[in-house]
């Protein structure tokens, strides 16, 4: 999954860096890449967990499923509207660019569910779920969120800081995961690695705001 995350990051870099626009056909390529990756995972990857007991799954009634989907979708849409409105208002109030608010307040806000899921997975000794959730989220955000959005309408870079600064942090932090996993002890992310990653993020925020 890590190589796919790096390929997705590099693909996004080459699509956006030279002309500052993510075109519709480039979005199509990104979505197709994601589709191929998902098909590979579902068809060729072995299951990570095999149920010891054949217990039938308890299915929710159809009306409850539809109700939950409707409520969740409506709340998600409303929350997204409020989040974007608040971000624009905060940028105006503090006199900073929308980009700075986006990579700090908005990015943290949208990542809190992933943080909560990862912490719960770690507590339950499901470390593969924790790391897989984070890598998978990065892949999906790059290929699906940007890909589908650019298919609807091309995405133009409005703040050059995204191309001169942020995108290189994206590539660097994505690559940093690999040596941290293998050094000094193979296939392990320890607390020291966590401190390094958190420190790099804080450095990114500091230099971006500064």
N, C-alpha and C. Protein backbone atom coordinates (compact mmCIF):
# COMPACT_ATOMS: atom_id res chain seq x y z
N UNK A 1 0.82 -1.22 0.00
CA UNK A 1 0.00 0.00 0.00
C UNK A 1 0.86 1.27 0.00
N UNK A 2 2.03 1.21 0.67
CA UNK A 2 2.89 2.40 0.69
C UNK A 2 3.36 2.80 -0.70
N UNK A 3 3.82 1.85 -1.55
CA UNK A 3 4.21 2.26 -2.91
C UNK A 3 3.06 2.90 -3.68
N UNK A 4 1.84 2.41 -3.48
CA UNK A 4 0.69 3.01 -4.16
C UNK A 4 0.48 4.43 -3.67
N UNK A 5 0.66 4.66 -2.35
CA UNK A 5 0.53 6.01 -1.82
C UNK A 5 1.58 6.94 -2.43
N UNK A 6 2.82 6.44 -2.58
CA UNK A 6 3.87 7.26 -3.19
C UNK A 6 3.57 7.52 -4.66
N UNK A 7 3.09 6.51 -5.37
CA UNK A 7 2.76 6.70 -6.78
C UNK A 7 1.62 7.71 -6.94
N UNK A 8 0.63 7.63 -6.05
CA UNK A 8 -0.48 8.59 -6.09
C UNK A 8 0.03 10.01 -5.83
N UNK A 9 0.95 10.15 -4.88
CA UNK A 9 1.52 11.46 -4.57
C UNK A 9 2.30 12.01 -5.75
N UNK A 10 3.12 11.15 -6.38
CA UNK A 10 3.91 11.58 -7.53
C UNK A 10 3.03 11.90 -8.73
N UNK A 11 1.97 11.10 -8.92
CA UNK A 11 1.04 11.35 -10.02
C UNK A 11 0.38 12.72 -9.85
N UNK A 12 -0.07 13.00 -8.64
CA UNK A 12 -0.66 14.30 -8.35
C UNK A 12 0.35 15.42 -8.58
N UNK A 13 1.59 15.20 -8.17
CA UNK A 13 2.64 16.21 -8.34
C UNK A 13 2.84 16.55 -9.81
N UNK A 14 2.98 15.54 -10.66
CA UNK A 14 3.24 15.79 -12.07
C UNK A 14 2.03 16.41 -12.78
N UNK A 15 0.83 16.08 -12.31
CA UNK A 15 -0.37 16.65 -12.92
C UNK A 15 -0.55 18.13 -12.58
N UNK A 16 -0.19 18.54 -11.36
CA UNK A 16 -0.53 19.88 -10.89
C UNK A 16 0.65 20.85 -10.93
N UNK A 17 1.89 20.35 -10.88
CA UNK A 17 3.04 21.22 -10.64
C UNK A 17 3.36 22.12 -11.83
N UNK A 18 3.30 21.59 -13.02
CA UNK A 18 3.83 22.31 -14.18
C UNK A 18 2.86 23.37 -14.73
N UNK A 19 1.55 23.12 -14.65
CA UNK A 19 0.61 24.10 -15.18
C UNK A 19 -0.31 24.68 -14.11
N UNK A 20 -0.25 24.15 -12.90
CA UNK A 20 -1.07 24.69 -11.81
C UNK A 20 -2.54 24.38 -11.93
N UNK A 21 -2.89 23.41 -12.78
CA UNK A 21 -4.30 23.05 -12.98
C UNK A 21 -4.42 21.53 -13.02
N UNK A 22 -5.40 21.01 -12.30
CA UNK A 22 -5.73 19.59 -12.37
C UNK A 22 -6.90 19.45 -13.34
N UNK A 23 -6.58 18.98 -14.55
CA UNK A 23 -7.57 18.93 -15.62
C UNK A 23 -8.53 17.76 -15.44
N UNK A 24 -9.63 17.79 -16.21
CA UNK A 24 -10.63 16.73 -16.10
C UNK A 24 -10.07 15.38 -16.51
N UNK A 25 -9.30 15.33 -17.60
CA UNK A 25 -8.76 14.04 -18.03
C UNK A 25 -7.75 13.50 -17.02
N UNK A 26 -7.05 14.39 -16.32
CA UNK A 26 -6.13 13.94 -15.28
C UNK A 26 -6.90 13.36 -14.10
N UNK A 27 -8.05 13.95 -13.79
CA UNK A 27 -8.91 13.39 -12.76
C UNK A 27 -9.40 12.00 -13.14
N UNK A 28 -9.72 11.81 -14.41
CA UNK A 28 -10.16 10.49 -14.89
C UNK A 28 -9.05 9.47 -14.68
N UNK A 29 -7.82 9.84 -15.01
CA UNK A 29 -6.67 8.94 -14.82
C UNK A 29 -6.52 8.56 -13.35
N UNK A 30 -6.68 9.53 -12.46
CA UNK A 30 -6.52 9.27 -11.03
C UNK A 30 -7.61 8.33 -10.51
N UNK A 31 -8.84 8.53 -10.96
CA UNK A 31 -9.94 7.66 -10.52
C UNK A 31 -9.75 6.25 -11.06
N UNK A 32 -9.29 6.13 -12.31
CA UNK A 32 -9.04 4.79 -12.88
C UNK A 32 -7.93 4.09 -12.11
N UNK A 33 -6.89 4.82 -11.74
CA UNK A 33 -5.79 4.26 -10.93
C UNK A 33 -6.33 3.72 -9.62
N UNK A 34 -7.21 4.49 -8.97
CA UNK A 34 -7.80 4.04 -7.71
C UNK A 34 -8.65 2.79 -7.92
N UNK A 35 -9.44 2.77 -8.99
CA UNK A 35 -10.29 1.62 -9.28
C UNK A 35 -9.46 0.35 -9.48
N UNK A 36 -8.37 0.46 -10.24
CA UNK A 36 -7.49 -0.69 -10.48
C UNK A 36 -6.88 -1.18 -9.15
N UNK A 37 -6.47 -0.25 -8.30
CA UNK A 37 -5.90 -0.60 -7.01
C UNK A 37 -6.92 -1.32 -6.13
N UNK A 38 -8.16 -0.84 -6.12
CA UNK A 38 -9.20 -1.47 -5.31
C UNK A 38 -9.53 -2.87 -5.82
N UNK A 39 -9.58 -3.02 -7.13
CA UNK A 39 -9.84 -4.35 -7.70
C UNK A 39 -8.72 -5.31 -7.32
N UNK A 40 -7.49 -4.83 -7.38
CA UNK A 40 -6.35 -5.67 -6.98
C UNK A 40 -6.48 -6.10 -5.52
N UNK A 41 -6.82 -5.16 -4.65
CA UNK A 41 -6.95 -5.49 -3.24
C UNK A 41 -8.03 -6.53 -2.99
N UNK A 42 -9.18 -6.34 -3.63
CA UNK A 42 -10.32 -7.21 -3.37
C UNK A 42 -10.16 -8.60 -3.99
N UNK A 43 -9.44 -8.70 -5.10
CA UNK A 43 -9.35 -9.97 -5.81
C UNK A 43 -8.10 -10.78 -5.49
N UNK A 44 -7.00 -10.09 -5.18
CA UNK A 44 -5.73 -10.81 -5.08
C UNK A 44 -5.10 -10.78 -3.70
N UNK A 45 -5.61 -9.94 -2.79
CA UNK A 45 -5.04 -9.90 -1.45
C UNK A 45 -5.73 -10.94 -0.56
N UNK A 46 -4.94 -11.66 0.23
CA UNK A 46 -5.51 -12.61 1.15
C UNK A 46 -6.16 -11.88 2.31
N UNK A 47 -7.25 -12.45 2.87
CA UNK A 47 -7.88 -11.80 4.03
C UNK A 47 -6.94 -11.76 5.21
N UNK A 48 -6.90 -10.62 5.91
CA UNK A 48 -6.01 -10.46 7.05
C UNK A 48 -6.53 -11.19 8.27
N UNK A 49 -7.85 -11.33 8.37
CA UNK A 49 -8.46 -11.97 9.53
C UNK A 49 -9.46 -13.01 9.04
N UNK A 50 -9.38 -14.19 9.61
CA UNK A 50 -10.32 -15.26 9.29
C UNK A 50 -11.15 -15.54 10.53
N UNK A 51 -12.46 -15.48 10.39
CA UNK A 51 -13.34 -15.71 11.53
C UNK A 51 -13.21 -17.15 12.01
N UNK A 52 -13.03 -17.29 13.31
CA UNK A 52 -12.91 -18.62 13.90
C UNK A 52 -14.26 -19.32 13.97
N UNK A 53 -15.32 -18.57 14.15
CA UNK A 53 -16.64 -19.14 14.26
C UNK A 53 -17.52 -18.61 13.13
N UNK A 54 -18.33 -19.51 12.60
CA UNK A 54 -19.22 -19.13 11.52
C UNK A 54 -20.53 -18.59 12.09
N UNK A 55 -20.45 -17.37 12.58
CA UNK A 55 -21.65 -16.74 13.12
C UNK A 55 -22.28 -15.86 12.05
N UNK A 56 -23.58 -16.01 11.84
CA UNK A 56 -24.23 -15.19 10.81
C UNK A 56 -24.23 -13.71 11.20
N UNK A 57 -23.97 -12.86 10.20
CA UNK A 57 -23.99 -11.43 10.45
C UNK A 57 -25.42 -10.95 10.68
N UNK A 58 -25.58 -10.07 11.64
CA UNK A 58 -26.90 -9.51 11.92
C UNK A 58 -27.10 -8.30 11.03
N UNK A 59 -28.07 -8.39 10.14
CA UNK A 59 -28.32 -7.33 9.18
C UNK A 59 -29.35 -6.35 9.72
N UNK A 60 -29.11 -5.07 9.50
CA UNK A 60 -30.09 -4.06 9.86
C UNK A 60 -31.27 -4.10 8.90
N UNK A 61 -32.46 -3.80 9.38
CA UNK A 61 -33.60 -3.68 8.46
C UNK A 61 -33.33 -2.63 7.39
N UNK A 62 -33.93 -2.81 6.25
CA UNK A 62 -33.68 -1.91 5.12
C UNK A 62 -34.03 -0.46 5.46
N UNK A 63 -35.15 -0.27 6.17
CA UNK A 63 -35.55 1.10 6.48
C UNK A 63 -34.56 1.78 7.41
N UNK A 64 -33.97 0.99 8.34
CA UNK A 64 -32.98 1.57 9.23
C UNK A 64 -31.70 1.92 8.48
N UNK A 65 -31.31 1.05 7.56
CA UNK A 65 -30.12 1.32 6.75
C UNK A 65 -30.30 2.61 5.95
N UNK A 66 -31.47 2.74 5.31
CA UNK A 66 -31.75 3.94 4.52
C UNK A 66 -31.80 5.17 5.41
N UNK A 67 -32.42 5.03 6.61
CA UNK A 67 -32.52 6.16 7.54
C UNK A 67 -31.13 6.61 7.99
N UNK A 68 -30.27 5.65 8.37
CA UNK A 68 -28.93 5.98 8.84
C UNK A 68 -28.11 6.63 7.73
N UNK A 69 -28.23 6.09 6.50
CA UNK A 69 -27.50 6.68 5.38
C UNK A 69 -27.97 8.11 5.12
N UNK A 70 -29.29 8.31 5.18
CA UNK A 70 -29.82 9.65 4.96
C UNK A 70 -29.38 10.64 6.01
N UNK A 71 -29.49 10.22 7.29
CA UNK A 71 -29.08 11.10 8.38
C UNK A 71 -27.59 11.40 8.33
N UNK A 72 -26.79 10.34 8.11
CA UNK A 72 -25.33 10.52 8.04
C UNK A 72 -24.92 11.40 6.87
N UNK A 73 -25.53 11.16 5.70
CA UNK A 73 -25.21 11.97 4.53
C UNK A 73 -25.61 13.42 4.71
N UNK A 74 -26.81 13.64 5.28
CA UNK A 74 -27.26 15.02 5.52
C UNK A 74 -26.36 15.75 6.51
N UNK A 75 -26.00 15.05 7.59
CA UNK A 75 -25.12 15.66 8.59
C UNK A 75 -23.74 15.94 8.00
N UNK A 76 -23.25 15.04 7.15
CA UNK A 76 -21.95 15.24 6.52
C UNK A 76 -21.97 16.45 5.59
N UNK A 77 -23.04 16.57 4.81
CA UNK A 77 -23.17 17.72 3.91
C UNK A 77 -23.26 19.02 4.71
N UNK A 78 -24.11 19.03 5.75
CA UNK A 78 -24.25 20.23 6.57
C UNK A 78 -22.95 20.59 7.28
N UNK A 79 -22.27 19.58 7.81
CA UNK A 79 -21.00 19.83 8.48
C UNK A 79 -19.95 20.36 7.52
N UNK A 80 -19.94 19.86 6.29
CA UNK A 80 -18.98 20.35 5.30
C UNK A 80 -19.26 21.82 4.96
N UNK A 81 -20.54 22.16 4.81
CA UNK A 81 -20.90 23.56 4.53
C UNK A 81 -20.42 24.47 5.66
N UNK A 82 -20.68 24.06 6.91
CA UNK A 82 -20.30 24.87 8.06
C UNK A 82 -18.77 24.97 8.17
N UNK A 83 -18.08 23.84 7.89
CA UNK A 83 -16.62 23.84 7.99
C UNK A 83 -16.00 24.81 7.00
N UNK A 84 -16.45 24.77 5.76
CA UNK A 84 -15.89 25.66 4.74
C UNK A 84 -16.24 27.12 5.04
N UNK A 85 -17.49 27.37 5.44
CA UNK A 85 -17.87 28.74 5.78
C UNK A 85 -17.05 29.27 6.94
N UNK A 86 -16.86 28.43 7.95
CA UNK A 86 -16.06 28.84 9.11
C UNK A 86 -14.61 29.08 8.74
N UNK A 87 -14.07 28.24 7.86
CA UNK A 87 -12.67 28.40 7.44
C UNK A 87 -12.47 29.72 6.69
N UNK A 88 -13.40 30.02 5.77
CA UNK A 88 -13.30 31.28 5.02
C UNK A 88 -13.44 32.47 5.96
N UNK A 89 -14.39 32.38 6.89
CA UNK A 89 -14.58 33.47 7.85
C UNK A 89 -13.36 33.67 8.74
N UNK A 90 -12.74 32.57 9.17
CA UNK A 90 -11.56 32.67 10.02
C UNK A 90 -10.39 33.27 9.25
N UNK A 91 -10.23 32.87 8.00
CA UNK A 91 -9.15 33.44 7.18
C UNK A 91 -9.33 34.94 7.01
N UNK A 92 -10.58 35.37 6.81
CA UNK A 92 -10.86 36.80 6.65
C UNK A 92 -10.62 37.55 7.95
N UNK A 93 -11.07 36.96 9.06
CA UNK A 93 -10.96 37.63 10.36
C UNK A 93 -9.51 37.81 10.79
N UNK A 94 -8.67 36.79 10.53
CA UNK A 94 -7.28 36.85 10.98
C UNK A 94 -6.34 37.40 9.90
N UNK A 95 -6.87 37.67 8.74
CA UNK A 95 -6.06 38.26 7.68
C UNK A 95 -5.02 37.32 7.11
N UNK A 96 -5.29 36.01 7.10
CA UNK A 96 -4.37 35.05 6.52
C UNK A 96 -5.03 34.42 5.30
N UNK A 97 -4.24 33.74 4.51
CA UNK A 97 -4.77 33.14 3.30
C UNK A 97 -5.64 31.93 3.63
N UNK A 98 -6.56 31.63 2.73
CA UNK A 98 -7.40 30.44 2.90
C UNK A 98 -6.55 29.18 2.91
N UNK A 99 -5.42 29.21 2.19
CA UNK A 99 -4.52 28.05 2.17
C UNK A 99 -4.02 27.72 3.57
N UNK A 100 -3.61 28.74 4.33
CA UNK A 100 -3.10 28.50 5.68
C UNK A 100 -4.17 27.89 6.57
N UNK A 101 -5.40 28.41 6.49
CA UNK A 101 -6.49 27.85 7.27
C UNK A 101 -6.79 26.42 6.83
N UNK A 102 -6.70 26.18 5.52
CA UNK A 102 -7.02 24.85 4.99
C UNK A 102 -6.04 23.79 5.49
N UNK A 103 -4.74 24.12 5.51
CA UNK A 103 -3.75 23.10 5.89
C UNK A 103 -3.56 23.01 7.39
N UNK A 104 -4.26 23.85 8.14
CA UNK A 104 -4.18 23.77 9.60
C UNK A 104 -5.54 23.37 10.17
N UNK A 105 -6.46 24.32 10.27
CA UNK A 105 -7.75 24.07 10.90
C UNK A 105 -8.56 23.02 10.13
N UNK A 106 -8.73 23.22 8.82
CA UNK A 106 -9.58 22.31 8.03
C UNK A 106 -8.99 20.91 7.98
N UNK A 107 -7.67 20.82 7.74
CA UNK A 107 -7.05 19.49 7.64
C UNK A 107 -7.13 18.74 8.96
N UNK A 108 -6.93 19.44 10.07
CA UNK A 108 -7.05 18.79 11.38
C UNK A 108 -8.48 18.34 11.61
N UNK A 109 -9.45 19.21 11.29
CA UNK A 109 -10.85 18.88 11.49
C UNK A 109 -11.29 17.66 10.71
N UNK A 110 -10.85 17.56 9.46
CA UNK A 110 -11.25 16.42 8.64
C UNK A 110 -10.47 15.15 8.99
N UNK A 111 -9.37 15.28 9.71
CA UNK A 111 -8.56 14.11 10.07
C UNK A 111 -8.89 13.56 11.45
N UNK A 112 -9.68 14.27 12.24
CA UNK A 112 -10.02 13.79 13.59
C UNK A 112 -10.70 12.41 13.57
N UNK A 113 -11.66 12.14 12.64
CA UNK A 113 -12.23 10.79 12.60
C UNK A 113 -11.18 9.70 12.35
N UNK A 114 -10.20 9.99 11.48
CA UNK A 114 -9.15 9.01 11.22
C UNK A 114 -8.28 8.80 12.45
N UNK A 115 -7.99 9.91 13.16
CA UNK A 115 -7.20 9.81 14.39
C UNK A 115 -7.93 8.96 15.43
N UNK A 116 -9.23 9.21 15.59
CA UNK A 116 -10.01 8.45 16.56
C UNK A 116 -10.04 6.97 16.20
N UNK A 117 -10.26 6.66 14.92
CA UNK A 117 -10.31 5.27 14.48
C UNK A 117 -8.96 4.58 14.70
N UNK A 118 -7.88 5.29 14.43
CA UNK A 118 -6.55 4.69 14.58
C UNK A 118 -6.23 4.43 16.06
N UNK A 119 -6.59 5.37 16.93
CA UNK A 119 -6.33 5.17 18.36
C UNK A 119 -7.13 4.00 18.90
N UNK A 120 -8.40 3.90 18.49
CA UNK A 120 -9.23 2.77 18.92
C UNK A 120 -8.66 1.46 18.41
N UNK A 121 -8.19 1.45 17.16
CA UNK A 121 -7.60 0.24 16.60
C UNK A 121 -6.35 -0.18 17.37
N UNK A 122 -5.52 0.80 17.75
CA UNK A 122 -4.31 0.49 18.53
C UNK A 122 -4.68 -0.08 19.89
N UNK A 123 -5.67 0.53 20.55
CA UNK A 123 -6.10 0.04 21.87
C UNK A 123 -6.60 -1.40 21.78
N UNK A 124 -7.26 -1.73 20.66
CA UNK A 124 -7.78 -3.08 20.47
C UNK A 124 -6.76 -4.02 19.83
N UNK A 125 -5.49 -3.60 19.78
CA UNK A 125 -4.40 -4.41 19.24
C UNK A 125 -4.55 -4.68 17.75
N UNK A 126 -5.27 -3.84 17.05
CA UNK A 126 -5.45 -3.99 15.60
C UNK A 126 -4.55 -2.98 14.89
N UNK A 127 -3.24 -3.22 14.95
CA UNK A 127 -2.29 -2.24 14.42
C UNK A 127 -2.35 -2.13 12.91
N UNK A 128 -2.67 -3.24 12.23
CA UNK A 128 -2.75 -3.20 10.77
C UNK A 128 -3.89 -2.28 10.33
N UNK A 129 -4.98 -2.28 11.10
CA UNK A 129 -6.10 -1.40 10.77
C UNK A 129 -5.68 0.05 10.95
N UNK A 130 -4.93 0.33 12.01
CA UNK A 130 -4.51 1.70 12.29
C UNK A 130 -3.67 2.27 11.17
N UNK A 131 -2.61 1.58 10.80
CA UNK A 131 -1.71 2.07 9.75
C UNK A 131 -2.38 2.02 8.39
N UNK A 132 -3.14 0.94 8.14
CA UNK A 132 -3.84 0.82 6.87
C UNK A 132 -4.86 1.92 6.67
N UNK A 133 -5.52 2.31 7.76
CA UNK A 133 -6.49 3.39 7.70
C UNK A 133 -5.84 4.69 7.24
N UNK A 134 -4.66 4.98 7.78
CA UNK A 134 -4.00 6.24 7.45
C UNK A 134 -3.46 6.24 6.02
N UNK A 135 -2.80 5.16 5.63
CA UNK A 135 -2.28 5.08 4.27
C UNK A 135 -3.43 5.07 3.27
N UNK A 136 -4.48 4.30 3.60
CA UNK A 136 -5.64 4.23 2.71
C UNK A 136 -6.33 5.57 2.56
N UNK A 137 -6.40 6.33 3.65
CA UNK A 137 -7.03 7.66 3.58
C UNK A 137 -6.24 8.59 2.67
N UNK A 138 -4.91 8.53 2.76
CA UNK A 138 -4.09 9.36 1.88
C UNK A 138 -4.30 9.00 0.41
N UNK A 139 -4.34 7.69 0.14
CA UNK A 139 -4.57 7.24 -1.24
C UNK A 139 -5.93 7.72 -1.74
N UNK A 140 -6.96 7.54 -0.91
CA UNK A 140 -8.31 7.91 -1.33
C UNK A 140 -8.44 9.42 -1.51
N UNK A 141 -7.85 10.20 -0.60
CA UNK A 141 -7.93 11.66 -0.70
C UNK A 141 -7.28 12.16 -1.99
N UNK A 142 -6.13 11.58 -2.33
CA UNK A 142 -5.42 12.01 -3.53
C UNK A 142 -6.16 11.59 -4.80
N UNK A 143 -6.52 10.32 -4.88
CA UNK A 143 -7.06 9.78 -6.13
C UNK A 143 -8.55 10.00 -6.30
N UNK A 144 -9.32 9.82 -5.24
CA UNK A 144 -10.78 9.93 -5.36
C UNK A 144 -11.26 11.36 -5.14
N UNK A 145 -10.87 11.97 -4.01
CA UNK A 145 -11.37 13.31 -3.70
C UNK A 145 -10.92 14.31 -4.77
N UNK A 146 -9.61 14.35 -5.03
CA UNK A 146 -9.11 15.28 -6.05
C UNK A 146 -9.54 14.84 -7.45
N UNK A 147 -9.52 13.53 -7.68
CA UNK A 147 -9.88 13.03 -9.01
C UNK A 147 -11.32 13.34 -9.37
N UNK A 148 -12.25 12.99 -8.49
CA UNK A 148 -13.67 13.22 -8.77
C UNK A 148 -13.98 14.71 -8.85
N UNK A 149 -13.39 15.49 -7.93
CA UNK A 149 -13.63 16.93 -7.94
C UNK A 149 -13.15 17.57 -9.25
N UNK A 150 -11.98 17.15 -9.73
CA UNK A 150 -11.45 17.73 -10.97
C UNK A 150 -12.23 17.27 -12.19
N UNK A 151 -12.89 16.10 -12.10
CA UNK A 151 -13.75 15.67 -13.21
C UNK A 151 -14.97 16.58 -13.31
N UNK A 152 -15.51 16.96 -12.15
CA UNK A 152 -16.66 17.86 -12.13
C UNK A 152 -16.27 19.23 -12.66
N UNK A 153 -15.14 19.75 -12.18
CA UNK A 153 -14.62 21.03 -12.68
C UNK A 153 -13.11 21.06 -12.44
N UNK A 154 -12.32 21.52 -13.41
CA UNK A 154 -10.86 21.56 -13.23
C UNK A 154 -10.48 22.37 -12.00
N UNK A 155 -9.47 21.89 -11.26
CA UNK A 155 -9.02 22.56 -10.05
C UNK A 155 -7.79 23.40 -10.39
N UNK A 156 -7.89 24.71 -10.14
CA UNK A 156 -6.77 25.63 -10.40
C UNK A 156 -6.14 26.03 -9.08
N UNK A 157 -4.82 26.10 -9.07
CA UNK A 157 -4.08 26.54 -7.88
C UNK A 157 -4.19 28.05 -7.76
N UNK A 158 -4.76 28.52 -6.64
CA UNK A 158 -4.94 29.95 -6.43
C UNK A 158 -3.83 30.55 -5.58
N UNK A 159 -3.12 29.72 -4.84
CA UNK A 159 -2.04 30.19 -3.98
C UNK A 159 -0.78 29.42 -4.36
N UNK A 160 0.23 30.12 -4.85
CA UNK A 160 1.44 29.46 -5.34
C UNK A 160 2.22 28.74 -4.23
N UNK A 161 1.90 29.06 -2.97
CA UNK A 161 2.55 28.36 -1.88
C UNK A 161 2.28 26.87 -1.90
N UNK A 162 1.16 26.49 -2.48
CA UNK A 162 0.85 25.06 -2.61
C UNK A 162 1.87 24.35 -3.49
N UNK A 163 2.36 25.05 -4.52
CA UNK A 163 3.30 24.44 -5.46
C UNK A 163 4.75 24.65 -5.04
N UNK A 164 5.05 25.75 -4.38
CA UNK A 164 6.44 26.03 -3.99
C UNK A 164 6.81 25.46 -2.63
N UNK A 165 5.81 25.07 -1.83
CA UNK A 165 6.10 24.62 -0.48
C UNK A 165 5.35 23.33 -0.11
N UNK A 166 4.03 23.39 -0.10
CA UNK A 166 3.21 22.32 0.48
C UNK A 166 3.38 20.98 -0.22
N UNK A 167 3.44 21.01 -1.54
CA UNK A 167 3.48 19.75 -2.28
C UNK A 167 4.78 18.99 -2.03
N UNK A 168 5.87 19.71 -1.74
CA UNK A 168 7.14 19.05 -1.44
C UNK A 168 7.13 18.45 -0.03
N UNK A 169 6.43 19.12 0.88
CA UNK A 169 6.22 18.52 2.21
C UNK A 169 5.40 17.23 2.08
N UNK A 170 4.40 17.25 1.22
CA UNK A 170 3.58 16.05 0.98
C UNK A 170 4.44 14.88 0.53
N UNK A 171 5.30 15.12 -0.47
CA UNK A 171 6.15 14.05 -0.98
C UNK A 171 7.15 13.58 0.08
N UNK A 172 7.74 14.55 0.80
CA UNK A 172 8.76 14.21 1.79
C UNK A 172 8.19 13.40 2.95
N UNK A 173 7.05 13.81 3.48
CA UNK A 173 6.46 13.09 4.61
C UNK A 173 5.96 11.72 4.18
N UNK A 174 5.41 11.63 2.96
CA UNK A 174 4.98 10.32 2.46
C UNK A 174 6.16 9.36 2.37
N UNK A 175 7.30 9.86 1.89
CA UNK A 175 8.48 9.00 1.78
C UNK A 175 9.06 8.66 3.15
N UNK A 176 8.94 9.59 4.09
CA UNK A 176 9.55 9.42 5.42
C UNK A 176 9.03 8.19 6.15
N UNK A 177 7.80 7.79 5.83
CA UNK A 177 7.22 6.62 6.52
C UNK A 177 8.07 5.39 6.32
N UNK A 178 8.62 5.20 5.12
CA UNK A 178 9.37 3.97 4.82
C UNK A 178 10.62 3.81 5.67
N UNK A 179 11.55 4.78 5.70
CA UNK A 179 12.73 4.59 6.56
C UNK A 179 12.38 4.49 8.04
N UNK A 180 11.33 5.17 8.49
CA UNK A 180 10.95 5.08 9.89
C UNK A 180 10.47 3.67 10.25
N UNK A 181 9.82 3.01 9.30
CA UNK A 181 9.34 1.65 9.55
C UNK A 181 10.50 0.66 9.63
N UNK A 182 11.54 0.87 8.84
CA UNK A 182 12.62 -0.12 8.77
C UNK A 182 13.83 0.23 9.64
N UNK A 183 13.94 1.48 10.09
CA UNK A 183 15.11 1.88 10.88
C UNK A 183 14.64 2.36 12.25
N UNK A 184 15.23 1.92 13.37
CA UNK A 184 16.32 0.93 13.44
C UNK A 184 15.85 -0.51 13.47
N UNK A 185 14.56 -0.74 13.75
CA UNK A 185 14.06 -2.11 13.84
C UNK A 185 13.02 -2.31 12.75
N UNK A 186 13.19 -3.36 11.94
CA UNK A 186 12.35 -3.57 10.78
C UNK A 186 10.88 -3.73 11.10
N UNK A 187 10.04 -3.17 10.22
CA UNK A 187 8.58 -3.33 10.27
C UNK A 187 7.99 -2.90 11.60
N UNK A 188 8.45 -1.76 12.11
CA UNK A 188 7.94 -1.29 13.39
C UNK A 188 7.96 0.24 13.43
N UNK A 189 6.85 0.81 13.86
CA UNK A 189 6.79 2.25 14.12
C UNK A 189 6.69 2.43 15.63
N UNK A 190 7.78 2.88 16.25
CA UNK A 190 7.81 3.05 17.69
C UNK A 190 7.45 4.47 18.09
N UNK A 191 7.51 4.72 19.40
CA UNK A 191 7.13 6.05 19.89
C UNK A 191 8.09 7.12 19.41
N UNK A 192 9.37 6.75 19.22
CA UNK A 192 10.33 7.73 18.70
C UNK A 192 9.97 8.15 17.28
N UNK A 193 9.52 7.19 16.48
CA UNK A 193 9.08 7.50 15.12
C UNK A 193 7.86 8.43 15.15
N UNK A 194 6.96 8.16 16.10
CA UNK A 194 5.80 9.02 16.25
C UNK A 194 6.19 10.44 16.60
N UNK A 195 7.19 10.59 17.47
CA UNK A 195 7.67 11.93 17.84
C UNK A 195 8.27 12.62 16.61
N UNK A 196 9.01 11.87 15.80
CA UNK A 196 9.61 12.45 14.59
C UNK A 196 8.52 12.94 13.64
N UNK A 197 7.50 12.11 13.41
CA UNK A 197 6.43 12.48 12.50
C UNK A 197 5.66 13.70 13.01
N UNK A 198 5.36 13.71 14.31
CA UNK A 198 4.65 14.85 14.89
C UNK A 198 5.50 16.11 14.80
N UNK A 199 6.82 15.97 15.05
CA UNK A 199 7.73 17.10 14.95
C UNK A 199 7.80 17.66 13.54
N UNK A 200 7.82 16.76 12.56
CA UNK A 200 7.85 17.20 11.16
C UNK A 200 6.58 17.96 10.81
N UNK A 201 5.44 17.46 11.30
CA UNK A 201 4.18 18.16 11.02
C UNK A 201 4.18 19.56 11.65
N UNK A 202 4.64 19.65 12.89
CA UNK A 202 4.69 20.95 13.56
C UNK A 202 5.65 21.91 12.85
N UNK A 203 6.76 21.36 12.34
CA UNK A 203 7.70 22.18 11.56
C UNK A 203 7.03 22.68 10.28
N UNK A 204 6.27 21.80 9.64
CA UNK A 204 5.55 22.19 8.42
C UNK A 204 4.58 23.33 8.71
N UNK A 205 3.80 23.20 9.79
CA UNK A 205 2.85 24.27 10.15
C UNK A 205 3.58 25.56 10.48
N UNK A 206 4.70 25.45 11.23
CA UNK A 206 5.46 26.64 11.63
C UNK A 206 6.00 27.40 10.43
N UNK A 207 6.63 26.68 9.51
CA UNK A 207 7.23 27.34 8.34
C UNK A 207 6.15 27.86 7.39
N UNK A 208 5.02 27.18 7.36
CA UNK A 208 3.93 27.62 6.48
C UNK A 208 3.31 28.91 6.98
N UNK A 209 3.03 28.94 8.29
CA UNK A 209 2.42 30.14 8.87
C UNK A 209 3.42 31.29 8.90
N UNK A 210 4.70 30.93 9.20
CA UNK A 210 5.72 31.96 9.28
C UNK A 210 6.04 32.55 7.93
